Amino acid sequence: MNSPEYNKDGEPLKLREQAYEGFTKSLLSQEIKPGQFITQRQLVAITGLPLGAIRELVPRLEAEGLIRTAPQRGMQVPQVDLNLVRNAFQFREFMEVAAVRLFAGSADPALIASLRASHEDILARHQRGDRNGLMQDAEAVDLQLHEAIIDALGNDIITQAYRVNWIKIKLIRLAETRLYVPMIPSVIGEHMRIIAALEARDPDAAAQAMHDHIDVARRRAINMG
């Protein structure tokens, strides 16, 4: 059996994963804000993890575009701007349109049925006026569909890159000032068109529905505010 691996400070490598999770949670909870300059010591305070783990974390964050090093100023979280919107949504379209074509031909019918049921539940709750936890659950159902399509590829490299891009998509969404709950029927409706194409085993229709869905989200992000 292999011995556990440690970093140069003698800490288990798993601390890097804890630091990464702590950073991304703080980013998505807006404890760390887009455009903010931040030091390694501040990351220690935010994550509650040792400086050694944070030092191990920084190269990964830089490689993933979640921070950049600014000379004389330290580390900066990326700004939410048109460049980020364009890049993040272009990545989504390249990945998901191709992936949904394959998914339409190979997806387990039970999985497709489960996706439909979870989306119909969100719509029913919205129509009843049940707002308790609705936005959080709607976001989970939204991610469930997209992750199912990507994960079905069975490609760890694509899956990891997609997860990182999804963090950037979330940052873009957090920068939008409009209300989310009124958008639920339209967003879920776009998903239902994708699901209907999956049920019909129609890769062209699935790809078109996915393209349209991503294009609507991109245009909404470009017109933030």
Protein backbone atom coordinates (compact mmCIF):
# COMPACT_ATOMS: atom_id res chain seq x y z
CA MET A 1 0.00 0.00 0.00
CA ASN A 2 1.33 3.46 -0.90
CA SER A 3 2.26 5.78 1.94
CA PRO A 4 0.15 8.95 2.28
CA GLU A 5 1.50 11.87 0.30
CA TYR A 6 2.39 15.12 2.04
CA ASN A 7 3.29 18.56 0.83
CA LYS A 8 6.61 20.19 1.65
CA ASP A 9 5.21 21.51 4.95
CA GLY A 10 4.29 18.01 6.09
CA GLU A 11 0.53 18.45 5.71
CA PRO A 12 -1.69 15.84 4.05
CA LEU A 13 -2.54 16.69 0.47
CA LYS A 14 -6.24 16.43 1.27
CA LEU A 15 -5.94 19.84 2.95
CA ARG A 16 -5.58 21.32 -0.53
CA GLU A 17 -9.01 19.99 -1.39
CA GLN A 18 -10.44 21.43 1.82
CA ALA A 19 -8.83 24.77 1.00
CA TYR A 20 -10.27 24.67 -2.52
CA GLU A 21 -13.75 23.92 -1.22
CA GLY A 22 -13.42 26.69 1.36
CA PHE A 23 -12.32 29.18 -1.28
CA THR A 24 -15.09 28.36 -3.76
CA LYS A 25 -17.79 28.38 -1.05
CA SER A 26 -16.59 31.79 0.13
CA LEU A 27 -16.54 33.02 -3.46
CA LEU A 28 -20.07 31.84 -4.19
CA SER A 29 -21.39 33.15 -0.86
CA GLN A 30 -19.83 36.52 -1.79
CA GLU A 31 -17.62 36.56 1.27
CA ILE A 32 -14.91 36.90 -1.37
CA LYS A 33 -16.06 39.23 -4.13
CA PRO A 34 -15.18 39.47 -7.84
CA GLY A 35 -12.39 41.98 -8.40
CA GLN A 36 -11.26 41.81 -4.77
CA PHE A 37 -7.57 41.74 -3.92
CA ILE A 38 -6.77 39.09 -1.34
CA THR A 39 -3.70 37.80 0.48
CA GLN A 40 -2.73 34.30 1.47
CA ARG A 41 -3.15 35.33 5.13
CA GLN A 42 -6.71 36.42 4.42
CA LEU A 43 -7.40 33.07 2.78
CA VAL A 44 -6.09 31.37 5.92
CA ALA A 45 -8.57 33.37 7.99
CA ILE A 46 -11.46 32.67 5.60
CA THR A 47 -10.87 28.93 5.16
CA GLY A 48 -9.51 28.19 8.63
CA LEU A 49 -6.75 26.11 7.07
CA PRO A 50 -2.96 26.33 7.46
CA LEU A 51 -0.83 28.64 5.35
CA GLY A 52 0.89 25.61 3.80
CA ALA A 53 -2.44 24.39 2.38
CA ILE A 54 -3.17 27.86 0.99
CA ARG A 55 0.24 28.01 -0.67
CA GLU A 56 -0.52 24.68 -2.31
CA LEU A 57 -3.92 26.01 -3.39
CA VAL A 58 -2.77 29.18 -5.16
CA PRO A 59 -1.23 27.56 -8.29
CA ARG A 60 -4.45 25.60 -8.86
CA LEU A 61 -6.59 28.72 -8.55
CA GLU A 62 -4.30 30.56 -10.96
CA ALA A 63 -4.40 27.68 -13.47
CA GLU A 64 -8.20 27.60 -13.30
CA GLY A 65 -8.54 31.36 -13.71
CA LEU A 66 -10.16 31.82 -10.31
CA ILE A 67 -7.45 34.23 -9.20
CA ARG A 68 -4.68 36.14 -10.93
CA THR A 69 -1.45 37.53 -9.54
CA ALA A 70 -1.22 41.30 -9.86
CA PRO A 71 2.34 42.69 -9.51
CA GLN A 72 2.79 44.73 -6.32
CA ARG A 73 -0.84 44.14 -5.34
CA GLY A 74 -1.10 40.45 -4.56
CA MET A 75 -3.85 38.14 -5.80
CA GLN A 76 -7.08 39.29 -7.42
CA VAL A 77 -10.35 37.46 -7.92
CA PRO A 78 -11.50 37.86 -11.56
CA GLN A 79 -13.90 40.65 -12.42
CA VAL A 80 -17.30 39.76 -13.81
CA ASP A 81 -17.11 41.50 -17.17
CA LEU A 82 -18.05 40.93 -20.79
CA ASN A 83 -14.84 39.01 -21.42
CA LEU A 84 -15.65 36.52 -18.65
CA VAL A 85 -19.24 36.21 -19.89
CA ARG A 86 -18.13 35.57 -23.47
CA ASN A 87 -15.48 33.01 -22.52
CA ALA A 88 -17.57 31.13 -19.97
CA PHE A 89 -20.63 30.81 -22.19
CA GLN A 90 -18.61 29.91 -25.27
CA PHE A 91 -17.04 27.08 -23.26
CA ARG A 92 -20.49 25.93 -22.16
CA GLU A 93 -21.79 25.88 -25.71
CA PHE A 94 -18.83 23.93 -27.08
CA MET A 95 -19.10 21.34 -24.30
CA GLU A 96 -22.83 20.96 -23.80
CA VAL A 97 -24.14 21.06 -27.36
CA ALA A 98 -21.79 18.24 -28.34
CA ALA A 99 -22.41 16.34 -25.10
CA VAL A 100 -26.21 16.48 -25.35
CA ARG A 101 -26.06 14.96 -28.84
CA LEU A 102 -24.37 11.89 -27.38
CA PHE A 103 -26.61 11.91 -24.33
CA ALA A 104 -29.72 11.81 -26.52
CA GLY A 105 -28.63 8.46 -27.90
CA SER A 106 -27.24 6.84 -24.77
CA ALA A 107 -29.05 8.18 -21.70
CA ASP A 108 -30.84 5.72 -19.41
CA PRO A 109 -34.62 6.21 -19.82
CA ALA A 110 -34.98 6.10 -16.05
CA LEU A 111 -32.56 9.02 -15.71
CA ILE A 112 -34.46 11.05 -18.30
CA ALA A 113 -37.72 10.28 -16.47
CA SER A 114 -36.14 11.39 -13.19
CA LEU A 115 -34.99 14.65 -14.76
CA ARG A 116 -38.49 15.33 -16.08
CA ALA A 117 -40.05 14.59 -12.69
CA SER A 118 -37.69 16.93 -10.82
CA HIS A 119 -38.37 19.75 -13.30
CA GLU A 120 -42.13 19.22 -13.16
CA ASP A 121 -41.96 19.40 -9.36
CA ILE A 122 -40.25 22.80 -9.51
CA LEU A 123 -42.88 24.11 -11.93
CA ALA A 124 -45.71 22.79 -9.75
CA ARG A 125 -44.26 24.47 -6.65
CA HIS A 126 -43.89 27.74 -8.53
CA GLN A 127 -47.50 27.58 -9.74
CA ARG A 128 -48.70 26.89 -6.16
CA GLY A 129 -46.77 29.92 -4.92
CA ASP A 130 -44.59 27.74 -2.72
CA ARG A 131 -41.48 29.91 -2.39
CA ASN A 132 -39.92 28.10 0.58
CA GLY A 133 -36.48 27.02 -0.67
CA LEU A 134 -37.73 27.20 -4.25
CA MET A 135 -34.82 29.15 -5.72
CA GLN A 136 -32.22 26.91 -4.11
CA ASP A 137 -34.03 23.76 -5.28
CA ALA A 138 -34.51 25.19 -8.79
CA GLU A 139 -30.78 25.89 -9.05
CA ALA A 140 -30.02 22.32 -7.91
CA VAL A 141 -32.37 20.89 -10.55
CA ASP A 142 -30.81 23.16 -13.16
CA LEU A 143 -27.33 21.88 -12.33
CA GLN A 144 -28.60 18.29 -12.14
CA LEU A 145 -29.55 18.30 -15.82
CA HIS A 146 -26.32 19.87 -17.04
CA GLU A 147 -24.09 17.69 -14.87
CA ALA A 148 -25.92 14.53 -15.94
CA ILE A 149 -25.19 15.36 -19.59
CA ILE A 150 -21.52 16.15 -18.95
CA ASP A 151 -20.91 13.27 -16.53
CA ALA A 152 -22.34 10.78 -19.04
CA LEU A 153 -19.27 11.40 -21.20
CA GLY A 154 -17.19 9.54 -18.61
CA ASN A 155 -14.30 11.95 -19.18
CA ASP A 156 -12.71 13.22 -15.96
CA ILE A 157 -10.82 16.01 -17.74
CA ILE A 158 -13.99 17.43 -19.28
CA THR A 159 -15.93 16.99 -16.02
CA GLN A 160 -13.33 18.90 -13.99
CA ALA A 161 -13.04 21.69 -16.55
CA TYR A 162 -16.83 21.95 -16.65
CA ARG A 163 -17.05 22.23 -12.84
CA VAL A 164 -14.56 25.11 -12.87
CA ASN A 165 -16.47 26.88 -15.62
CA TRP A 166 -19.70 26.41 -13.68
CA ILE A 167 -18.16 28.36 -10.78
CA LYS A 168 -17.57 31.23 -13.23
CA ILE A 169 -21.14 30.96 -14.49
CA LYS A 170 -22.35 31.21 -10.88
CA LEU A 171 -20.24 34.34 -10.36
CA ILE A 172 -21.85 35.84 -13.44
CA ARG A 173 -25.32 34.99 -12.14
CA LEU A 174 -24.54 36.54 -8.75
CA ALA A 175 -23.69 39.78 -10.54
CA GLU A 176 -27.19 39.96 -12.04
CA THR A 177 -29.48 42.25 -10.08
CA ARG A 178 -32.85 41.06 -11.40
CA LEU A 179 -35.06 38.68 -9.42
CA TYR A 180 -34.62 34.97 -10.07
CA VAL A 181 -37.91 33.41 -8.97
CA PRO A 182 -39.99 35.00 -11.78
CA MET A 183 -37.55 33.49 -14.28
CA ILE A 184 -38.12 29.91 -13.11
CA PRO A 185 -40.93 29.03 -15.58
CA SER A 186 -38.96 30.22 -18.61
CA VAL A 187 -35.70 28.55 -17.58
CA ILE A 188 -37.42 25.29 -16.64
CA GLY A 189 -39.38 25.51 -19.90
CA GLU A 190 -36.10 25.66 -21.83
CA HIS A 191 -34.93 22.60 -19.93
CA MET A 192 -38.17 20.78 -20.69
CA ARG A 193 -37.57 21.25 -24.41
CA ILE A 194 -34.18 19.61 -23.97
CA ILE A 195 -35.75 16.77 -21.99
CA ALA A 196 -38.47 16.27 -24.63
CA ALA A 197 -35.76 15.93 -27.29
CA LEU A 198 -33.94 13.41 -25.09
CA GLU A 199 -37.16 11.40 -24.68
CA ALA A 200 -37.57 11.42 -28.46
CA ARG A 201 -33.92 10.30 -28.88
CA ASP A 202 -33.46 13.22 -31.28
CA PRO A 203 -29.85 14.47 -31.09
CA ASP A 204 -30.42 17.37 -33.50
CA ALA A 205 -33.40 18.67 -31.54
CA ALA A 206 -31.53 18.20 -28.26
CA ALA A 207 -28.53 20.12 -29.59
CA GLN A 208 -30.73 22.95 -30.89
CA ALA A 209 -32.65 23.17 -27.60
CA MET A 210 -29.38 23.29 -25.66
CA HIS A 211 -27.95 25.94 -27.98
CA ASP A 212 -31.07 28.07 -27.55
CA HIS A 213 -31.01 27.64 -23.76
CA ILE A 214 -27.36 28.71 -23.46
CA ASP A 215 -27.89 31.60 -25.87
CA VAL A 216 -30.75 32.99 -23.76
CA ALA A 217 -28.60 32.75 -20.61
CA ARG A 218 -25.69 34.43 -22.39
CA ARG A 219 -27.83 37.32 -23.62
CA ARG A 220 -29.31 37.76 -20.14
CA ALA A 221 -25.80 37.90 -18.66
CA ILE A 222 -24.60 40.43 -21.21
CA ASN A 223 -27.53 42.68 -20.27
CA MET A 224 -26.83 42.40 -16.53
CA GLY A 225 -28.19 45.06 -14.28
